[in-house]
N, C-alpha and C. Protein backbone atom coordinates (compact mmCIF):
# COMPACT_ATOMS: atom_id res chain seq x y z
N MET A 1 -177.80 183.36 -123.03
CA MET A 1 -176.50 183.49 -122.40
C MET A 1 -176.37 184.91 -121.84
N LYS A 2 -175.92 184.99 -120.60
CA LYS A 2 -175.68 186.28 -119.96
C LYS A 2 -174.18 186.49 -119.87
N LYS A 3 -173.76 187.75 -120.01
CA LYS A 3 -172.33 188.06 -119.96
C LYS A 3 -172.16 189.43 -119.31
N ILE A 4 -171.15 189.53 -118.43
CA ILE A 4 -170.79 190.81 -117.82
C ILE A 4 -169.28 190.96 -117.92
N ALA A 5 -168.81 192.21 -117.85
CA ALA A 5 -167.38 192.46 -117.99
C ALA A 5 -166.96 193.65 -117.13
N ILE A 6 -165.67 193.68 -116.82
CA ILE A 6 -165.10 194.79 -116.07
C ILE A 6 -163.65 194.96 -116.49
N ARG A 7 -163.16 196.19 -116.47
CA ARG A 7 -161.75 196.47 -116.78
C ARG A 7 -161.03 196.80 -115.48
N ILE A 8 -159.83 196.27 -115.35
CA ILE A 8 -158.99 196.54 -114.18
C ILE A 8 -157.68 197.12 -114.69
N ILE A 9 -157.35 198.32 -114.24
CA ILE A 9 -156.07 198.93 -114.63
C ILE A 9 -155.15 198.95 -113.41
N LYS A 10 -153.90 199.31 -113.66
CA LYS A 10 -152.89 199.25 -112.59
C LYS A 10 -153.26 200.07 -111.36
N LEU A 11 -154.00 201.13 -111.55
CA LEU A 11 -154.35 202.00 -110.42
C LEU A 11 -155.44 201.41 -109.54
N HIS A 12 -156.16 200.44 -110.05
CA HIS A 12 -157.28 199.87 -109.30
C HIS A 12 -156.83 198.89 -108.24
N ASN A 13 -157.66 198.75 -107.24
CA ASN A 13 -157.52 197.67 -106.27
C ASN A 13 -158.17 196.45 -106.90
N VAL A 14 -157.36 195.46 -107.26
CA VAL A 14 -157.85 194.28 -107.99
C VAL A 14 -158.98 193.59 -107.25
N SER A 15 -158.81 193.38 -105.96
CA SER A 15 -159.84 192.67 -105.18
C SER A 15 -161.17 193.42 -105.20
N LYS A 16 -161.12 194.73 -105.04
CA LYS A 16 -162.35 195.52 -105.02
C LYS A 16 -163.07 195.44 -106.38
N ARG A 17 -162.29 195.50 -107.47
CA ARG A 17 -162.89 195.44 -108.80
C ARG A 17 -163.51 194.07 -109.05
N LEU A 18 -162.82 193.01 -108.61
CA LEU A 18 -163.37 191.67 -108.80
C LEU A 18 -164.60 191.44 -107.92
N GLU A 19 -164.60 192.01 -106.72
CA GLU A 19 -165.78 191.94 -105.86
C GLU A 19 -166.97 192.60 -106.55
N LEU A 20 -166.73 193.74 -107.20
CA LEU A 20 -167.79 194.43 -107.93
C LEU A 20 -168.32 193.55 -109.06
N LEU A 21 -167.43 192.91 -109.79
CA LEU A 21 -167.85 192.01 -110.86
C LEU A 21 -168.71 190.87 -110.31
N CYS A 22 -168.26 190.29 -109.22
CA CYS A 22 -169.00 189.17 -108.62
C CYS A 22 -170.37 189.61 -108.10
N LYS A 23 -170.47 190.83 -107.57
CA LYS A 23 -171.76 191.33 -107.12
C LYS A 23 -172.73 191.47 -108.29
N LYS A 24 -172.20 191.84 -109.46
CA LYS A 24 -173.03 191.97 -110.66
C LYS A 24 -173.44 190.61 -111.22
N ALA A 25 -172.76 189.56 -110.81
CA ALA A 25 -173.02 188.22 -111.33
C ALA A 25 -174.17 187.58 -110.57
N VAL A 26 -175.37 188.12 -110.77
CA VAL A 26 -176.55 187.61 -110.06
C VAL A 26 -176.90 186.19 -110.49
N PHE A 27 -176.37 185.76 -111.60
CA PHE A 27 -176.63 184.41 -112.10
C PHE A 27 -175.76 183.35 -111.42
N CYS A 28 -174.86 183.79 -110.52
CA CYS A 28 -173.99 182.86 -109.78
C CYS A 28 -174.48 182.74 -108.34
N ASN A 29 -174.26 181.56 -107.77
CA ASN A 29 -174.55 181.42 -106.35
C ASN A 29 -173.32 181.84 -105.55
N GLU A 30 -173.43 181.88 -104.25
CA GLU A 30 -172.33 182.38 -103.41
C GLU A 30 -171.05 181.55 -103.56
N ASN A 31 -171.19 180.25 -103.62
CA ASN A 31 -170.03 179.38 -103.79
C ASN A 31 -169.31 179.66 -105.11
N GLU A 32 -170.08 179.82 -106.18
CA GLU A 32 -169.49 180.13 -107.50
C GLU A 32 -168.80 181.49 -107.48
N ARG A 33 -169.43 182.48 -106.87
CA ARG A 33 -168.80 183.82 -106.78
C ARG A 33 -167.50 183.76 -106.00
N ASN A 34 -167.46 182.99 -104.92
CA ASN A 34 -166.22 182.86 -104.14
C ASN A 34 -165.12 182.21 -104.96
N LYS A 35 -165.45 181.16 -105.70
CA LYS A 35 -164.46 180.51 -106.55
C LYS A 35 -163.93 181.47 -107.62
N ILE A 36 -164.83 182.23 -108.21
CA ILE A 36 -164.43 183.21 -109.24
C ILE A 36 -163.52 184.26 -108.64
N LEU A 37 -163.90 184.81 -107.50
CA LEU A 37 -163.11 185.85 -106.85
C LEU A 37 -161.70 185.37 -106.52
N ILE A 38 -161.58 184.22 -105.91
CA ILE A 38 -160.26 183.71 -105.50
C ILE A 38 -159.42 183.33 -106.72
N THR A 39 -160.01 182.61 -107.66
CA THR A 39 -159.26 182.15 -108.84
C THR A 39 -158.82 183.32 -109.70
N ALA A 40 -159.73 184.23 -110.00
CA ALA A 40 -159.37 185.39 -110.83
C ALA A 40 -158.34 186.27 -110.13
N SER A 41 -158.46 186.45 -108.82
CA SER A 41 -157.48 187.25 -108.07
C SER A 41 -156.08 186.67 -108.21
N GLU A 42 -155.97 185.37 -108.05
CA GLU A 42 -154.66 184.71 -108.14
C GLU A 42 -154.09 184.80 -109.55
N LEU A 43 -154.92 184.58 -110.56
CA LEU A 43 -154.43 184.63 -111.94
C LEU A 43 -154.00 186.04 -112.33
N ILE A 44 -154.76 187.04 -111.91
CA ILE A 44 -154.39 188.42 -112.22
C ILE A 44 -153.14 188.82 -111.44
N ASP A 45 -153.03 188.38 -110.19
CA ASP A 45 -151.82 188.64 -109.41
C ASP A 45 -150.60 188.07 -110.11
N ASN A 46 -150.73 186.87 -110.69
CA ASN A 46 -149.62 186.28 -111.43
C ASN A 46 -149.27 187.10 -112.67
N LEU A 47 -150.29 187.61 -113.35
CA LEU A 47 -150.02 188.46 -114.52
C LEU A 47 -149.25 189.71 -114.11
N ILE A 48 -149.63 190.30 -113.00
CA ILE A 48 -148.97 191.51 -112.53
C ILE A 48 -147.55 191.20 -112.04
N THR A 49 -147.39 190.11 -111.30
CA THR A 49 -146.11 189.75 -110.69
C THR A 49 -145.10 189.22 -111.70
N HIS A 50 -145.55 188.36 -112.60
CA HIS A 50 -144.62 187.65 -113.49
C HIS A 50 -144.69 188.12 -114.93
N GLY A 51 -145.60 189.00 -115.24
CA GLY A 51 -145.75 189.45 -116.62
C GLY A 51 -145.94 190.95 -116.68
N GLU A 52 -146.82 191.37 -117.54
CA GLU A 52 -147.09 192.79 -117.72
C GLU A 52 -148.54 192.93 -118.11
N ILE A 53 -149.26 193.84 -117.48
CA ILE A 53 -150.66 194.01 -117.85
C ILE A 53 -150.86 195.16 -118.82
N GLY A 54 -149.85 195.99 -119.06
CA GLY A 54 -149.95 197.05 -120.05
C GLY A 54 -150.87 198.18 -119.62
N VAL A 55 -150.91 199.21 -120.45
CA VAL A 55 -151.69 200.40 -120.13
C VAL A 55 -153.19 200.17 -120.23
N LEU A 56 -153.59 199.19 -121.03
CA LEU A 56 -155.02 198.90 -121.18
C LEU A 56 -155.57 198.10 -120.02
N GLY A 57 -154.68 197.57 -119.19
CA GLY A 57 -155.12 196.81 -118.03
C GLY A 57 -155.58 195.41 -118.41
N VAL A 58 -156.49 194.90 -117.61
CA VAL A 58 -157.02 193.55 -117.78
C VAL A 58 -158.53 193.67 -117.93
N ILE A 59 -159.08 192.93 -118.85
CA ILE A 59 -160.53 192.83 -118.98
C ILE A 59 -160.93 191.46 -118.47
N VAL A 60 -161.92 191.45 -117.58
CA VAL A 60 -162.42 190.20 -117.02
C VAL A 60 -163.89 190.07 -117.40
N THR A 61 -164.24 188.92 -117.99
CA THR A 61 -165.63 188.67 -118.37
C THR A 61 -166.15 187.44 -117.64
N LEU A 62 -167.43 187.45 -117.39
CA LEU A 62 -168.12 186.27 -116.86
C LEU A 62 -169.27 185.97 -117.82
N ARG A 63 -169.35 184.72 -118.21
CA ARG A 63 -170.41 184.30 -119.13
C ARG A 63 -171.04 183.03 -118.58
N ILE A 64 -172.35 183.01 -118.54
CA ILE A 64 -173.04 181.81 -118.07
C ILE A 64 -173.67 181.11 -119.26
N GLU A 65 -173.48 179.83 -119.29
CA GLU A 65 -174.15 178.96 -120.26
C GLU A 65 -174.91 177.92 -119.47
N LYS A 66 -175.56 177.01 -120.14
CA LYS A 66 -176.45 176.07 -119.48
C LYS A 66 -175.78 175.32 -118.33
N HIS A 67 -174.60 174.78 -118.55
CA HIS A 67 -173.98 173.93 -117.53
C HIS A 67 -172.62 174.43 -117.05
N ARG A 68 -172.29 175.70 -117.32
CA ARG A 68 -171.00 176.20 -116.86
C ARG A 68 -170.98 177.72 -116.83
N ILE A 69 -170.05 178.21 -116.02
CA ILE A 69 -169.73 179.64 -115.97
C ILE A 69 -168.29 179.74 -116.47
N THR A 70 -168.07 180.63 -117.43
CA THR A 70 -166.72 180.82 -117.97
C THR A 70 -166.24 182.21 -117.61
N CYS A 71 -165.06 182.27 -117.02
CA CYS A 71 -164.41 183.55 -116.74
C CYS A 71 -163.28 183.71 -117.74
N GLY A 72 -163.27 184.83 -118.43
CA GLY A 72 -162.20 185.14 -119.36
C GLY A 72 -161.39 186.31 -118.83
N ILE A 73 -160.08 186.17 -118.89
CA ILE A 73 -159.17 187.24 -118.46
C ILE A 73 -158.32 187.59 -119.68
N TYR A 74 -158.38 188.84 -120.10
CA TYR A 74 -157.72 189.29 -121.33
C TYR A 74 -156.70 190.37 -120.99
N VAL A 75 -155.50 190.22 -121.54
CA VAL A 75 -154.42 191.17 -121.26
C VAL A 75 -153.59 191.33 -122.53
N GLU A 76 -152.94 192.50 -122.68
CA GLU A 76 -152.07 192.71 -123.84
C GLU A 76 -151.00 191.62 -123.89
N THR A 77 -150.66 191.20 -125.09
CA THR A 77 -149.70 190.11 -125.31
C THR A 77 -148.31 190.49 -124.80
N HIS A 78 -147.64 189.50 -124.19
CA HIS A 78 -146.23 189.66 -123.83
C HIS A 78 -145.55 188.29 -123.93
N ASN A 79 -144.25 188.30 -124.22
CA ASN A 79 -143.51 187.07 -124.50
C ASN A 79 -143.50 186.08 -123.35
N ALA A 80 -143.37 186.56 -122.14
CA ALA A 80 -143.31 185.65 -120.99
C ALA A 80 -144.58 184.81 -120.91
N PHE A 81 -145.72 185.40 -121.23
CA PHE A 81 -146.97 184.65 -121.18
C PHE A 81 -147.01 183.59 -122.27
N ALA A 82 -146.50 183.90 -123.44
CA ALA A 82 -146.49 182.93 -124.54
C ALA A 82 -145.71 181.68 -124.15
N GLU A 83 -144.55 181.87 -123.55
CA GLU A 83 -143.74 180.73 -123.10
C GLU A 83 -144.47 179.95 -122.01
N PHE A 84 -145.03 180.67 -121.05
CA PHE A 84 -145.76 180.04 -119.95
C PHE A 84 -146.96 179.25 -120.45
N SER A 85 -147.76 179.86 -121.32
CA SER A 85 -148.98 179.18 -121.79
C SER A 85 -148.64 177.93 -122.60
N LYS A 86 -147.57 177.99 -123.37
CA LYS A 86 -147.15 176.81 -124.13
C LYS A 86 -146.78 175.67 -123.19
N ARG A 87 -146.05 175.99 -122.14
CA ARG A 87 -145.65 174.98 -121.15
C ARG A 87 -146.87 174.41 -120.42
N MET A 88 -147.81 175.29 -120.05
CA MET A 88 -148.99 174.82 -119.32
C MET A 88 -149.91 173.98 -120.21
N GLU A 89 -150.07 174.35 -121.46
CA GLU A 89 -150.92 173.58 -122.37
C GLU A 89 -150.32 172.22 -122.68
N THR A 90 -149.00 172.13 -122.69
CA THR A 90 -148.33 170.86 -122.95
C THR A 90 -148.66 169.84 -121.87
N CYS A 91 -148.80 170.32 -120.64
CA CYS A 91 -149.03 169.38 -119.52
C CYS A 91 -150.41 169.54 -118.89
N LYS A 92 -151.39 170.09 -119.64
CA LYS A 92 -152.71 170.38 -119.07
C LYS A 92 -153.44 169.16 -118.52
N ASP A 93 -153.21 168.00 -119.10
CA ASP A 93 -153.90 166.80 -118.64
C ASP A 93 -153.07 165.97 -117.67
N ASN A 94 -151.92 166.52 -117.27
CA ASN A 94 -151.05 165.82 -116.33
C ASN A 94 -150.62 166.80 -115.24
N PRO A 95 -151.43 166.96 -114.19
CA PRO A 95 -151.11 167.93 -113.13
C PRO A 95 -149.76 167.68 -112.47
N ASP A 96 -149.28 166.44 -112.48
CA ASP A 96 -147.99 166.16 -111.86
C ASP A 96 -146.82 166.74 -112.66
N ALA A 97 -147.07 167.10 -113.91
CA ALA A 97 -146.01 167.65 -114.75
C ALA A 97 -145.62 169.07 -114.33
N HIS A 98 -146.50 169.75 -113.63
CA HIS A 98 -146.18 171.11 -113.16
C HIS A 98 -146.54 171.26 -111.68
N LYS A 99 -146.04 170.35 -110.90
CA LYS A 99 -146.28 170.39 -109.45
C LYS A 99 -145.60 171.62 -108.83
N PRO A 100 -146.18 172.14 -107.74
CA PRO A 100 -145.49 173.20 -106.99
C PRO A 100 -144.12 172.71 -106.52
N TRP A 101 -143.18 173.63 -106.46
CA TRP A 101 -141.83 173.27 -106.03
C TRP A 101 -141.25 174.36 -105.15
N TYR A 102 -140.35 173.94 -104.27
CA TYR A 102 -139.73 174.85 -103.32
C TYR A 102 -138.37 175.28 -103.84
N ASP A 103 -138.15 176.60 -103.86
CA ASP A 103 -136.87 177.17 -104.29
C ASP A 103 -136.05 177.45 -103.03
N ILE A 104 -135.00 176.68 -102.83
CA ILE A 104 -134.16 176.81 -101.64
C ILE A 104 -133.49 178.18 -101.58
N LYS A 105 -133.04 178.69 -102.74
CA LYS A 105 -132.36 180.00 -102.77
C LYS A 105 -133.29 181.14 -102.38
N GLU A 106 -134.54 181.09 -102.88
CA GLU A 106 -135.50 182.16 -102.59
C GLU A 106 -136.28 181.92 -101.30
N HIS A 107 -136.17 180.72 -100.76
CA HIS A 107 -136.92 180.34 -99.56
C HIS A 107 -138.42 180.53 -99.75
N ARG A 108 -138.91 180.07 -100.91
CA ARG A 108 -140.35 180.18 -101.17
C ARG A 108 -140.82 179.11 -102.16
N TRP A 109 -142.11 178.87 -102.10
CA TRP A 109 -142.74 177.93 -103.00
C TRP A 109 -143.12 178.61 -104.31
N HIS A 110 -143.11 177.87 -105.40
CA HIS A 110 -143.58 178.34 -106.70
C HIS A 110 -144.69 177.40 -107.16
N GLY A 111 -145.73 177.96 -107.74
CA GLY A 111 -146.78 177.14 -108.33
C GLY A 111 -147.95 176.78 -107.43
N LEU A 112 -147.89 177.18 -106.17
CA LEU A 112 -149.00 176.86 -105.26
C LEU A 112 -150.31 177.55 -105.69
N GLY A 113 -150.19 178.80 -106.11
CA GLY A 113 -151.39 179.55 -106.52
C GLY A 113 -152.03 178.95 -107.76
N LEU A 114 -151.21 178.53 -108.72
CA LEU A 114 -151.76 177.91 -109.93
C LEU A 114 -152.44 176.59 -109.60
N ARG A 115 -151.85 175.83 -108.70
CA ARG A 115 -152.48 174.57 -108.29
C ARG A 115 -153.81 174.85 -107.59
N MET A 116 -153.85 175.90 -106.76
CA MET A 116 -155.09 176.28 -106.10
C MET A 116 -156.16 176.60 -107.15
N CYS A 117 -155.78 177.35 -108.19
CA CYS A 117 -156.73 177.70 -109.26
C CYS A 117 -157.26 176.46 -109.95
N GLU A 118 -156.37 175.51 -110.21
CA GLU A 118 -156.79 174.25 -110.85
C GLU A 118 -157.74 173.46 -109.95
N ASN A 119 -157.57 173.58 -108.65
CA ASN A 119 -158.45 172.86 -107.73
C ASN A 119 -159.80 173.56 -107.56
N LEU A 120 -159.83 174.88 -107.64
CA LEU A 120 -161.08 175.62 -107.49
C LEU A 120 -161.94 175.59 -108.75
N ALA A 121 -161.29 175.70 -109.90
CA ALA A 121 -162.01 175.69 -111.18
C ALA A 121 -162.02 174.27 -111.74
N ASP A 122 -163.00 174.01 -112.57
CA ASP A 122 -163.08 172.69 -113.19
C ASP A 122 -162.15 172.59 -114.40
N ARG A 123 -161.83 173.72 -115.00
CA ARG A 123 -160.91 173.73 -116.14
C ARG A 123 -160.24 175.10 -116.21
N VAL A 124 -158.93 175.12 -116.43
CA VAL A 124 -158.18 176.37 -116.62
C VAL A 124 -157.36 176.22 -117.90
N ARG A 125 -157.44 177.21 -118.79
CA ARG A 125 -156.68 177.18 -120.03
C ARG A 125 -156.01 178.52 -120.27
N TYR A 126 -154.81 178.46 -120.84
CA TYR A 126 -154.00 179.65 -121.12
C TYR A 126 -153.80 179.73 -122.63
N ARG A 127 -154.10 180.89 -123.23
CA ARG A 127 -153.98 181.06 -124.67
C ARG A 127 -153.21 182.34 -124.99
N ALA A 128 -152.06 182.18 -125.59
CA ALA A 128 -151.28 183.34 -126.04
C ALA A 128 -151.84 183.78 -127.40
N GLY A 129 -151.78 185.08 -127.65
CA GLY A 129 -152.29 185.60 -128.92
C GLY A 129 -151.37 186.66 -129.49
N LYS A 130 -151.70 187.13 -130.68
CA LYS A 130 -150.88 188.15 -131.34
C LYS A 130 -151.08 189.52 -130.71
N LYS A 131 -152.30 189.80 -130.23
CA LYS A 131 -152.59 191.09 -129.61
C LYS A 131 -153.04 190.94 -128.16
N LEU A 132 -153.77 189.87 -127.88
CA LEU A 132 -154.27 189.64 -126.53
C LEU A 132 -153.91 188.24 -126.07
N ASP A 133 -153.46 188.15 -124.83
CA ASP A 133 -153.30 186.86 -124.17
C ASP A 133 -154.58 186.62 -123.38
N ARG A 134 -154.96 185.35 -123.28
CA ARG A 134 -156.23 185.03 -122.64
C ARG A 134 -156.05 183.87 -121.65
N ILE A 135 -156.75 184.00 -120.55
CA ILE A 135 -156.86 182.91 -119.59
C ILE A 135 -158.35 182.65 -119.43
N TYR A 136 -158.74 181.41 -119.54
CA TYR A 136 -160.12 181.02 -119.32
C TYR A 136 -160.19 180.01 -118.20
N PHE A 137 -161.13 180.19 -117.31
CA PHE A 137 -161.40 179.11 -116.38
C PHE A 137 -162.92 178.90 -116.31
N GLU A 138 -163.27 177.64 -116.09
CA GLU A 138 -164.68 177.27 -116.10
C GLU A 138 -165.06 176.62 -114.78
N ILE A 139 -166.28 176.90 -114.38
CA ILE A 139 -166.89 176.26 -113.22
C ILE A 139 -168.12 175.55 -113.74
N PHE A 140 -168.14 174.24 -113.62
CA PHE A 140 -169.28 173.46 -114.10
C PHE A 140 -170.42 173.52 -113.10
N ARG A 141 -171.62 173.47 -113.62
CA ARG A 141 -172.83 173.51 -112.78
C ARG A 141 -173.51 172.17 -112.76
């Protein structure tokens, strides 16, 4: 099993750091690297926009196993993520339970990015923890 990791803090350009991680992922093909880059970018953007990444930033890992690549995103625990992950895990096998929706007051869509992540990755899971919150997504080979 091969594994690589990178830390992203608030001062970093998220896209540039993820591009660096993907360049180091020589065990991935171009299509897999593109899926990782887009999916991880969207998930980290959601953490920054709707949650808190804390002073330690975000740690992103890539691990290859025989038939899958697993990306782990680790961030300091916060309450908003715990509520979100509980809701997402409740409806993980029913994508219609958390369909994107349009907010008339804000004049914008909600949930499109998460749906995109679910379509790009073969599996996405959210895990709240006592010290670290975790997001895992897998790409099957």
